[in-house]
Amino acid sequence: MMPVWRKSASIWTKCILIHGLLLLPLTWSSPLSATGEESDMSRVGKERFQPVAGVIHEKKTVQFETLFRFSDLRSQQSKLFEGSRVTNVLNTAAIDTGNPHVKLEIVSPAGRATGRNTLVNIAGQYDKAGHRVVAGFNLDFFYPAGMSTGFQIMGGEIMTTPDNSTTTHMAIMPDGTVKMGGPVAIRSVLTAEDGSTIVLNGVNRVREEKHTDHVFIVSDRYGASTLSKGAGVEVVISPTGSDGKVRPGMDIKGVVEAVYEKPNNKIPAGKLVLTASGTKAKWAKDHLTAGKKVSFRTDFDQGVNEAVYAMGSANQEDGRVLLRGGEVPEQILDMSDLKNVDHQPRTIVAMKGKNLHVFVFDGRQRGYSDGVSLIEAARYLQTLGMEEAINVDGGGSSTYAVRKPGDTQLTVTNRPSDGADRPLGNALLVISDEN
């Protein structure tokens, strides 16, 4: 997709050419602004309640005024429209992270790195006496198999990591505070008994045929087998002196139990399997023979090693920082980047003081909710005084559920654009210890 620019008088016209079709060009003479003002509809239909102390839910309609001017250049009779307006229905939650009876958890279905389920069903898996789920939201981008495209830490255990870095992150620390921001660097290294080392391409990832020179390590959180494809080597490692859980910043020591030269081997409970291809498979054959000792370690920067729960988006263009220190990054203000001006359903997490705020904008539903662009969302959150914000998975994944007064389970209060609740790979849950 290549934008075609032409200049007319004192304004710039952007004609977007997609698959040979000329779509609506946008013209502007000044940047977009989001007023954040509520429409009359929102004031009439606003919904607000407190599921538990420390959590406030609100549903409202917000209209965004833009300074775009647009016309359809395919028509000789086309009018030049001055300005435009988009309407968004959004559900928001404000969570006081300083409340001792409320905590946040980033979870995956059934506590596994793979698999998908609806938000309400995921919440039900973690709801129990003294650990009541009072709200939940979709969170990170995920592959069809359910694993996060970035990294996820759950209960201090690494569920999955990408190759070496992410574009955004959110971390829940042991004291309940939340850290949020941009890239996190990740490094996973396995050391053989002879001192040789190899840098891994990820934890709990599928080795596919396209991975011709890669090495991953998988735990029993991943599934029953490695699901690997193509030529390679797989090494079963039996941890010694530990439970085999992969934790950030901690060495796992073990002994090579078996080496296989076929794909898709079983992952024994409590054990790890290294799966490699190409030159990295040769390294494994040369250095990891049965009975040899090994050690393995994964480290994150930005203080994420200490997190109890965490996520970081990777391999997704929409995984972007919207606010940094209360300011909108230049990347988001770049209107030549179509990702910044595209209206979509979106889920956004933000910080204001010690409070975590979640915003779920409905979209793709003309006459009800149009969806929000990244630049509109960033400006809107800025008017609300948000300090840090990141865009997470959206589209048909955007789902917001809350426990209404008198209910014992969550109700989805937004309108997912698929027309039904999409099975998700992970979720952010709000937990109360009050029954």
Protein backbone atom coordinates (compact mmCIF):
# COMPACT_ATOMS: atom_id res chain seq x y z
CA MET A 1 0.00 0.00 0.00
CA MET A 2 1.70 3.17 -1.20
CA PRO A 3 0.18 6.65 -0.56
CA VAL A 4 0.11 9.02 -3.52
CA TRP A 5 0.48 12.70 -2.66
CA ARG A 6 -0.47 15.79 -4.63
CA LYS A 7 -0.52 19.44 -3.66
CA SER A 8 -3.47 21.77 -4.31
CA ALA A 9 -3.36 25.43 -3.17
CA SER A 10 -2.33 25.48 0.52
CA ILE A 11 -3.55 22.04 1.56
CA TRP A 12 -2.28 18.53 0.99
CA THR A 13 -4.45 15.83 -0.50
CA LYS A 14 -3.74 12.19 0.29
CA CYS A 15 -5.14 9.70 -2.20
CA ILE A 16 -5.01 6.16 -0.88
CA LEU A 17 -4.56 3.52 -3.56
CA ILE A 18 -5.43 -0.04 -2.52
CA HIS A 19 -5.52 -2.92 -4.98
CA GLY A 20 -5.84 -0.43 -7.84
CA LEU A 21 -8.97 1.25 -6.44
CA LEU A 22 -9.03 4.94 -5.54
CA LEU A 23 -10.67 5.34 -2.13
CA LEU A 24 -11.81 8.47 -0.31
CA PRO A 25 -8.89 10.87 -0.15
CA LEU A 26 -8.43 12.89 2.99
CA THR A 27 -7.35 16.52 2.90
CA TRP A 28 -6.31 18.62 5.87
CA SER A 29 -4.74 21.92 6.70
CA SER A 30 -4.12 21.31 10.42
CA PRO A 31 -3.78 18.35 12.79
CA LEU A 32 -6.68 16.34 14.13
CA SER A 33 -8.01 17.15 17.58
CA ALA A 34 -10.22 15.12 19.91
CA THR A 35 -12.44 17.18 22.17
CA GLY A 36 -13.42 14.34 24.44
CA GLU A 37 -16.78 16.06 24.96
CA GLU A 38 -19.74 13.82 25.64
CA SER A 39 -22.75 13.98 23.38
CA ASP A 40 -26.30 14.50 24.61
CA MET A 41 -26.85 10.79 24.05
CA SER A 42 -24.00 9.91 26.39
CA ARG A 43 -25.31 12.12 29.13
CA VAL A 44 -28.75 10.50 28.89
CA GLY A 45 -27.60 6.90 28.55
CA LYS A 46 -24.54 6.83 30.78
CA GLU A 47 -24.16 3.73 32.95
CA ARG A 48 -22.00 3.87 36.06
CA PHE A 49 -21.63 1.60 39.08
CA GLN A 50 -19.08 0.14 41.48
CA PRO A 51 -18.78 -3.68 41.36
CA VAL A 52 -16.65 -3.58 44.53
CA ALA A 53 -14.79 -0.89 46.43
CA GLY A 54 -11.80 0.23 44.37
CA VAL A 55 -13.37 -0.53 40.96
CA ILE A 56 -15.62 1.84 38.98
CA HIS A 57 -17.36 0.83 35.76
CA GLU A 58 -18.76 3.37 33.32
CA LYS A 59 -20.34 3.13 29.89
CA LYS A 60 -20.84 6.21 27.77
CA THR A 61 -20.96 7.62 24.26
CA VAL A 62 -18.30 10.07 23.13
CA GLN A 63 -18.16 12.03 19.89
CA PHE A 64 -14.86 13.05 18.34
CA GLU A 65 -14.65 16.15 16.16
CA THR A 66 -11.86 16.16 13.61
CA LEU A 67 -10.40 18.86 11.37
CA PHE A 68 -10.26 16.56 8.35
CA ARG A 69 -11.76 17.87 5.10
CA PHE A 70 -12.68 15.22 2.58
CA SER A 71 -14.29 14.62 -0.78
CA ASP A 72 -14.65 11.76 -3.23
CA LEU A 73 -12.44 12.54 -6.24
CA ARG A 74 -14.22 9.89 -8.30
CA SER A 75 -17.26 12.17 -8.64
CA GLN A 76 -17.31 15.46 -10.58
CA GLN A 77 -20.22 16.65 -8.38
CA SER A 78 -18.56 15.71 -5.08
CA LYS A 79 -18.84 18.27 -2.31
CA LEU A 80 -15.99 19.23 -0.03
CA PHE A 81 -17.08 18.34 3.48
CA GLU A 82 -15.73 20.60 6.21
CA GLY A 83 -14.86 18.49 9.21
CA SER A 84 -16.27 15.18 10.31
CA ARG A 85 -17.57 13.52 13.44
CA VAL A 86 -17.29 9.97 14.70
CA THR A 87 -19.35 8.48 17.51
CA ASN A 88 -17.97 5.91 19.91
CA VAL A 89 -19.61 3.84 22.60
CA LEU A 90 -17.01 2.90 25.16
CA ASN A 91 -16.86 0.91 28.36
CA THR A 92 -14.31 2.06 30.90
CA ALA A 93 -13.01 0.69 34.18
CA ALA A 94 -10.96 2.50 36.79
CA ILE A 95 -9.09 0.21 39.18
CA ASP A 96 -7.42 1.51 42.34
CA THR A 97 -4.21 -0.54 42.50
CA GLY A 98 -3.65 0.71 46.04
CA ASN A 99 -6.80 -0.98 47.34
CA PRO A 100 -5.66 -4.00 49.42
CA HIS A 101 -8.78 -5.98 48.50
CA VAL A 102 -8.36 -5.65 44.72
CA LYS A 103 -5.64 -7.08 42.49
CA LEU A 104 -4.93 -7.59 38.81
CA GLU A 105 -4.00 -10.80 37.02
CA ILE A 106 -3.01 -11.49 33.41
CA VAL A 107 -4.14 -15.02 32.62
CA SER A 108 -4.59 -17.50 29.81
CA PRO A 109 -7.28 -20.15 29.36
CA ALA A 110 -6.85 -23.03 31.81
CA GLY A 111 -3.40 -21.71 32.75
CA ARG A 112 -1.76 -22.90 29.54
CA ALA A 113 0.35 -21.09 26.96
CA THR A 114 -1.95 -22.29 24.16
CA GLY A 115 -5.72 -22.52 23.84
CA ARG A 116 -8.58 -20.05 23.49
CA ASN A 117 -11.86 -19.37 25.27
CA THR A 118 -14.37 -16.57 25.68
CA LEU A 119 -13.71 -13.89 28.27
CA VAL A 120 -16.59 -14.96 30.52
CA ASN A 121 -15.43 -18.58 30.44
CA ILE A 122 -11.82 -17.62 31.20
CA ALA A 123 -13.02 -15.55 34.15
CA GLY A 124 -15.06 -18.52 35.39
CA GLN A 125 -11.93 -20.67 35.45
CA TYR A 126 -10.29 -18.32 37.97
CA ASP A 127 -13.33 -17.34 40.04
CA LYS A 128 -13.59 -18.94 43.49
CA ALA A 129 -14.31 -18.04 47.10
CA GLY A 130 -11.96 -15.30 48.28
CA HIS A 131 -10.81 -14.79 44.68
CA ARG A 132 -13.82 -13.31 42.92
CA VAL A 133 -13.45 -12.04 39.37
CA VAL A 134 -15.36 -8.75 39.21
CA ALA A 135 -14.25 -7.55 35.76
CA GLY A 136 -12.28 -8.78 32.77
CA PHE A 137 -10.96 -7.51 29.46
CA ASN A 138 -9.20 -8.85 26.41
CA LEU A 139 -5.51 -7.95 26.40
CA ASP A 140 -2.63 -9.05 24.18
CA PHE A 141 -2.60 -10.06 20.52
CA PHE A 142 -2.52 -13.82 20.00
CA TYR A 143 -1.94 -16.46 17.35
CA PRO A 144 -4.77 -18.76 16.17
CA ALA A 145 -3.50 -21.44 18.58
CA GLY A 146 -3.99 -18.96 21.42
CA MET A 147 -0.44 -18.13 22.46
CA SER A 148 0.46 -14.47 22.79
CA THR A 149 2.34 -12.94 19.86
CA GLY A 150 4.50 -11.21 22.48
CA PHE A 151 5.41 -12.35 25.98
CA GLN A 152 3.28 -13.32 28.95
CA ILE A 153 4.17 -13.91 32.59
CA MET A 154 1.51 -15.46 34.81
CA GLY A 155 1.98 -15.92 38.54
CA GLY A 156 5.72 -15.33 38.16
CA GLU A 157 6.04 -18.02 35.49
CA ILE A 158 6.92 -17.38 31.85
CA MET A 159 4.12 -18.61 29.62
CA THR A 160 5.67 -17.53 26.32
CA THR A 161 8.20 -15.12 24.80
CA PRO A 162 8.96 -13.88 21.28
CA ASP A 163 12.43 -13.79 19.79
CA ASN A 164 14.13 -10.79 21.40
CA SER A 165 11.94 -7.75 22.10
CA THR A 166 8.48 -6.20 22.23
CA THR A 167 7.03 -2.81 21.29
CA THR A 168 4.99 -2.30 24.47
CA HIS A 169 4.61 -3.82 27.92
CA MET A 170 2.49 -3.85 31.05
CA ALA A 171 3.76 -5.40 34.29
CA ILE A 172 2.01 -6.02 37.59
CA MET A 173 4.55 -5.93 40.39
CA PRO A 174 4.53 -7.86 43.71
CA ASP A 175 3.09 -4.83 45.57
CA GLY A 176 0.22 -4.55 43.08
CA THR A 177 1.54 -1.48 41.29
CA VAL A 178 1.49 -1.39 37.51
CA LYS A 179 4.34 -0.45 35.17
CA MET A 180 3.55 0.37 31.57
CA GLY A 181 5.50 1.57 28.58
CA GLY A 182 7.45 0.76 25.46
CA PRO A 183 9.91 -1.92 24.35
CA VAL A 184 11.22 -4.70 26.57
CA ALA A 185 14.36 -6.62 25.57
CA ILE A 186 14.31 -10.38 26.16
CA ARG A 187 17.24 -12.79 26.17
CA SER A 188 17.03 -16.57 26.63
CA VAL A 189 20.28 -18.54 26.83
CA LEU A 190 20.98 -22.24 27.27
CA THR A 191 24.43 -23.30 28.52
CA ALA A 192 25.84 -26.77 27.92
CA GLU A 193 28.05 -28.68 30.37
CA ASP A 194 31.16 -27.81 28.33
CA GLY A 195 30.40 -24.07 28.67
CA SER A 196 29.07 -23.59 25.14
CA THR A 197 26.00 -21.37 24.90
CA ILE A 198 23.19 -20.83 22.46
CA VAL A 199 20.70 -17.95 22.33
CA LEU A 200 17.13 -19.15 21.99
CA ASN A 201 14.47 -17.73 19.67
CA GLY A 202 11.71 -17.96 22.26
CA VAL A 203 9.97 -19.87 25.01
CA ASN A 204 6.87 -21.99 24.36
CA ARG A 205 6.74 -21.33 20.63
CA VAL A 206 5.89 -23.64 17.75
CA ARG A 207 8.87 -24.62 15.59
CA GLU A 208 7.37 -24.53 12.10
CA GLU A 209 8.84 -25.59 8.77
CA LYS A 210 9.67 -21.96 7.99
CA HIS A 211 11.98 -21.92 11.04
CA THR A 212 14.99 -23.34 9.25
CA ASP A 213 17.65 -22.19 11.72
CA HIS A 214 15.88 -21.70 15.04
CA VAL A 215 15.83 -23.06 18.57
CA PHE A 216 13.05 -22.86 21.15
CA ILE A 217 12.43 -24.36 24.57
CA VAL A 218 8.98 -25.54 25.61
CA SER A 219 7.53 -26.52 28.98
CA ASP A 220 4.50 -28.58 29.90
CA ARG A 221 2.54 -25.29 30.04
CA TYR A 222 2.73 -25.40 26.26
CA GLY A 223 0.84 -28.64 25.72
CA ALA A 224 1.16 -32.39 25.41
CA SER A 225 3.69 -32.31 22.55
CA THR A 226 5.96 -29.82 20.79
CA LEU A 227 3.84 -29.67 17.59
CA SER A 228 7.09 -29.03 15.70
CA LYS A 229 7.37 -29.57 11.97
CA GLY A 230 10.27 -30.20 9.62
CA ALA A 231 13.73 -31.63 10.10
CA GLY A 232 15.42 -30.97 13.41
CA VAL A 233 16.45 -32.22 16.82
CA GLU A 234 14.51 -32.31 20.09
CA VAL A 235 16.18 -32.68 23.49
CA VAL A 236 14.26 -33.66 26.63
CA ILE A 237 15.69 -31.96 29.74
CA SER A 238 14.88 -33.14 33.27
CA PRO A 239 15.19 -30.23 35.76
CA THR A 240 17.19 -30.85 38.93
CA GLY A 241 16.51 -29.04 42.19
CA SER A 242 13.45 -27.17 40.83
CA ASP A 243 9.87 -27.75 39.72
CA GLY A 244 10.75 -27.07 36.08
CA LYS A 245 8.75 -23.85 35.89
CA VAL A 246 10.41 -21.22 33.71
CA ARG A 247 10.70 -18.04 35.79
CA PRO A 248 12.23 -14.71 34.75
CA GLY A 249 15.80 -14.09 35.90
CA MET A 250 16.21 -17.55 37.43
CA ASP A 251 18.54 -20.35 36.33
CA ILE A 252 17.00 -23.74 35.63
CA LYS A 253 19.51 -26.56 35.92
CA GLY A 254 18.87 -29.95 34.44
CA VAL A 255 20.16 -33.11 32.82
CA VAL A 256 19.66 -34.25 29.23
CA GLU A 257 17.33 -37.23 29.35
CA ALA A 258 16.88 -38.04 25.66
CA VAL A 259 17.64 -36.75 22.16
CA TYR A 260 15.31 -37.30 19.20
CA GLU A 261 15.77 -36.57 15.49
CA LYS A 262 12.07 -36.42 14.71
CA PRO A 263 9.48 -33.67 15.23
CA ASN A 264 6.49 -33.38 17.55
CA ASN A 265 7.73 -35.32 20.56
CA LYS A 266 5.82 -35.52 23.82
CA ILE A 267 6.54 -33.03 26.61
CA PRO A 268 6.74 -35.03 29.84
CA ALA A 269 5.12 -33.39 32.88
CA GLY A 270 7.58 -31.19 34.77
CA LYS A 271 10.22 -31.39 32.02
CA LEU A 272 11.48 -29.15 29.24
CA VAL A 273 12.05 -29.90 25.56
CA LEU A 274 14.52 -27.99 23.40
CA THR A 275 13.47 -28.06 19.74
CA ALA A 276 15.97 -26.92 17.09
CA SER A 277 16.55 -26.79 13.34
CA GLY A 278 19.44 -26.03 10.96
CA THR A 279 22.81 -25.15 12.49
CA LYS A 280 21.18 -24.90 15.91
CA ALA A 281 20.05 -28.51 15.64
CA LYS A 282 23.66 -29.46 14.90
CA TRP A 283 24.79 -27.51 17.99
CA ALA A 284 22.27 -29.44 20.08
CA LYS A 285 23.54 -32.79 18.74
CA ASP A 286 27.14 -31.82 19.41
CA HIS A 287 26.69 -30.45 22.95
CA LEU A 288 23.54 -31.99 24.42
CA THR A 289 23.98 -35.74 24.68
CA ALA A 290 22.16 -37.93 27.19
CA GLY A 291 23.42 -37.49 30.75
CA LYS A 292 24.99 -34.07 30.13
CA LYS A 293 24.18 -31.17 32.47
CA VAL A 294 22.60 -27.98 31.16
CA SER A 295 21.31 -24.67 32.50
CA PHE A 296 18.77 -22.28 31.04
CA ARG A 297 17.78 -18.70 31.84
CA THR A 298 15.48 -15.98 30.45
CA ASP A 299 15.89 -12.31 31.35
CA PHE A 300 13.76 -9.22 30.68
CA ASP A 301 14.83 -5.61 31.09
CA GLN A 302 12.68 -2.68 32.30
CA GLY A 303 12.27 -4.40 35.68
CA VAL A 304 10.00 -7.09 34.21
CA ASN A 305 12.08 -9.87 35.83
CA GLU A 306 10.42 -8.92 39.13
CA ALA A 307 6.85 -8.87 37.76
CA VAL A 308 4.22 -11.31 38.98
CA TYR A 309 2.06 -10.83 35.90
CA ALA A 310 3.14 -9.16 32.67
CA MET A 311 2.58 -8.92 28.92
CA GLY A 312 4.32 -7.28 26.01
CA SER A 313 3.07 -6.95 22.44
CA ALA A 314 5.28 -8.07 19.57
CA ASN A 315 4.92 -8.79 15.86
CA GLN A 316 1.84 -6.53 15.63
CA GLU A 317 1.81 -3.06 14.07
CA ASP A 318 -1.03 -1.91 16.33
CA GLY A 319 0.92 -2.65 19.52
CA ARG A 320 1.91 0.97 20.13
CA VAL A 321 2.51 3.39 22.98
CA LEU A 322 -0.21 6.06 22.91
CA LEU A 323 0.95 8.19 25.84
CA ARG A 324 4.36 8.56 27.44
CA GLY A 325 4.55 10.88 30.43
CA GLY A 326 1.23 12.40 29.39
CA GLU A 327 2.47 13.24 25.90
CA VAL A 328 1.48 11.68 22.58
CA PRO A 329 4.53 10.15 20.83
CA GLU A 330 5.51 11.53 17.42
CA GLN A 331 4.86 8.09 15.90
CA ILE A 332 1.16 8.38 16.76
CA LEU A 333 0.92 11.95 15.45
CA ASP A 334 2.22 10.87 12.02
CA MET A 335 -0.93 11.01 9.88
CA SER A 336 0.85 9.58 6.86
CA ASP A 337 0.77 6.28 8.78
CA LEU A 338 -2.63 4.80 8.02
CA LYS A 339 -2.55 2.79 11.24
CA ASN A 340 -2.91 6.03 13.19
CA VAL A 341 -6.05 7.25 11.41
CA ASP A 342 -7.89 3.97 10.86
CA HIS A 343 -11.13 3.68 12.87
CA GLN A 344 -11.41 0.32 14.60
CA PRO A 345 -12.77 -1.29 17.77
CA ARG A 346 -9.94 -0.92 20.30
CA THR A 347 -8.88 -1.93 23.79
CA ILE A 348 -6.48 0.41 25.56
CA VAL A 349 -4.90 0.25 29.01
CA ALA A 350 -3.70 3.43 30.69
CA MET A 351 -2.32 4.74 33.98
CA LYS A 352 -3.28 7.87 35.91
CA GLY A 353 -1.49 8.08 39.24
CA LYS A 354 -1.87 4.69 40.89
CA ASN A 355 -5.09 3.88 39.05
CA LEU A 356 -5.25 1.55 36.06
CA HIS A 357 -7.84 2.52 33.47
CA VAL A 358 -9.18 0.21 30.76
CA PHE A 359 -10.99 1.60 27.71
CA VAL A 360 -12.88 -0.61 25.27
CA PHE A 361 -14.21 1.25 22.23
CA ASP A 362 -16.83 -0.52 20.12
CA GLY A 363 -16.57 -0.13 16.36
CA ARG A 364 -17.43 -1.35 12.86
CA GLN A 365 -21.11 -0.79 13.73
CA ARG A 366 -22.48 2.12 11.74
CA GLY A 367 -25.24 3.96 13.54
CA TYR A 368 -24.05 2.67 16.91
CA SER A 369 -20.29 3.02 17.24
CA ASP A 370 -17.77 3.88 14.53
CA GLY A 371 -14.53 2.87 16.19
CA VAL A 372 -11.63 5.09 17.15
CA SER A 373 -8.29 5.88 15.54
CA LEU A 374 -5.05 5.72 17.50
CA ILE A 375 -4.54 9.46 17.28
CA GLU A 376 -8.10 10.18 18.46
CA ALA A 377 -7.74 7.74 21.32
CA ALA A 378 -4.40 9.20 22.36
CA ARG A 379 -5.72 12.77 22.36
CA TYR A 380 -8.87 11.73 24.22
CA LEU A 381 -6.93 9.94 26.94
CA GLN A 382 -4.66 12.95 27.20
CA THR A 383 -7.67 15.19 27.94
CA LEU A 384 -8.61 12.77 30.75
CA GLY A 385 -5.21 13.23 32.35
CA MET A 386 -3.85 9.79 31.56
CA GLU A 387 -0.07 9.57 31.90
CA GLU A 388 0.85 6.28 30.23
CA ALA A 389 -1.19 4.30 27.71
CA ILE A 390 -0.71 1.42 25.30
CA ASN A 391 -2.93 0.01 22.57
CA VAL A 392 -3.50 -3.73 22.92
CA ASP A 393 -5.47 -6.23 20.84
CA GLY A 394 -8.63 -4.81 19.28
CA GLY A 395 -10.99 -5.49 16.42
CA GLY A 396 -13.24 -8.46 17.09
CA SER A 397 -11.17 -9.31 20.16
CA SER A 398 -12.20 -6.15 22.05
CA THR A 399 -14.33 -7.47 24.90
CA TYR A 400 -15.32 -5.91 28.22
CA ALA A 401 -17.12 -7.80 30.99
CA VAL A 402 -18.10 -6.75 34.50
CA ARG A 403 -20.05 -8.19 37.42
CA LYS A 404 -23.23 -6.15 37.77
CA PRO A 405 -24.69 -5.43 41.22
CA GLY A 406 -26.47 -8.51 42.55
CA ASP A 407 -24.94 -10.86 39.94
CA THR A 408 -22.55 -13.71 40.65
CA GLN A 409 -20.79 -13.79 37.28
CA LEU A 410 -19.59 -11.41 34.60
CA THR A 411 -21.73 -9.91 31.85
CA VAL A 412 -20.25 -8.66 28.57
CA THR A 413 -21.34 -5.01 28.40
CA ASN A 414 -19.80 -3.98 25.09
CA ARG A 415 -20.81 -5.14 21.61
CA PRO A 416 -17.94 -7.15 20.07
CA SER A 417 -17.75 -6.41 16.36
CA ASP A 418 -17.87 -10.10 15.37
CA GLY A 419 -21.46 -10.20 16.62
CA ALA A 420 -20.45 -12.74 19.25
CA ASP A 421 -17.75 -13.12 21.91
CA ARG A 422 -14.49 -14.12 20.25
CA PRO A 423 -12.47 -16.86 21.98
CA LEU A 424 -9.36 -15.15 23.36
CA GLY A 425 -5.81 -16.28 24.06
CA ASN A 426 -5.39 -14.23 27.24
CA ALA A 427 -7.20 -11.75 29.47
CA LEU A 428 -6.74 -9.13 32.17
CA LEU A 429 -8.85 -9.91 35.25
CA VAL A 430 -9.79 -7.77 38.22
CA ILE A 431 -9.91 -9.85 41.39
CA SER A 432 -11.56 -9.05 44.73
CA ASP A 433 -10.97 -11.00 47.95
CA GLU A 434 -14.44 -9.99 49.15
CA ASN A 435 -17.19 -12.55 48.57
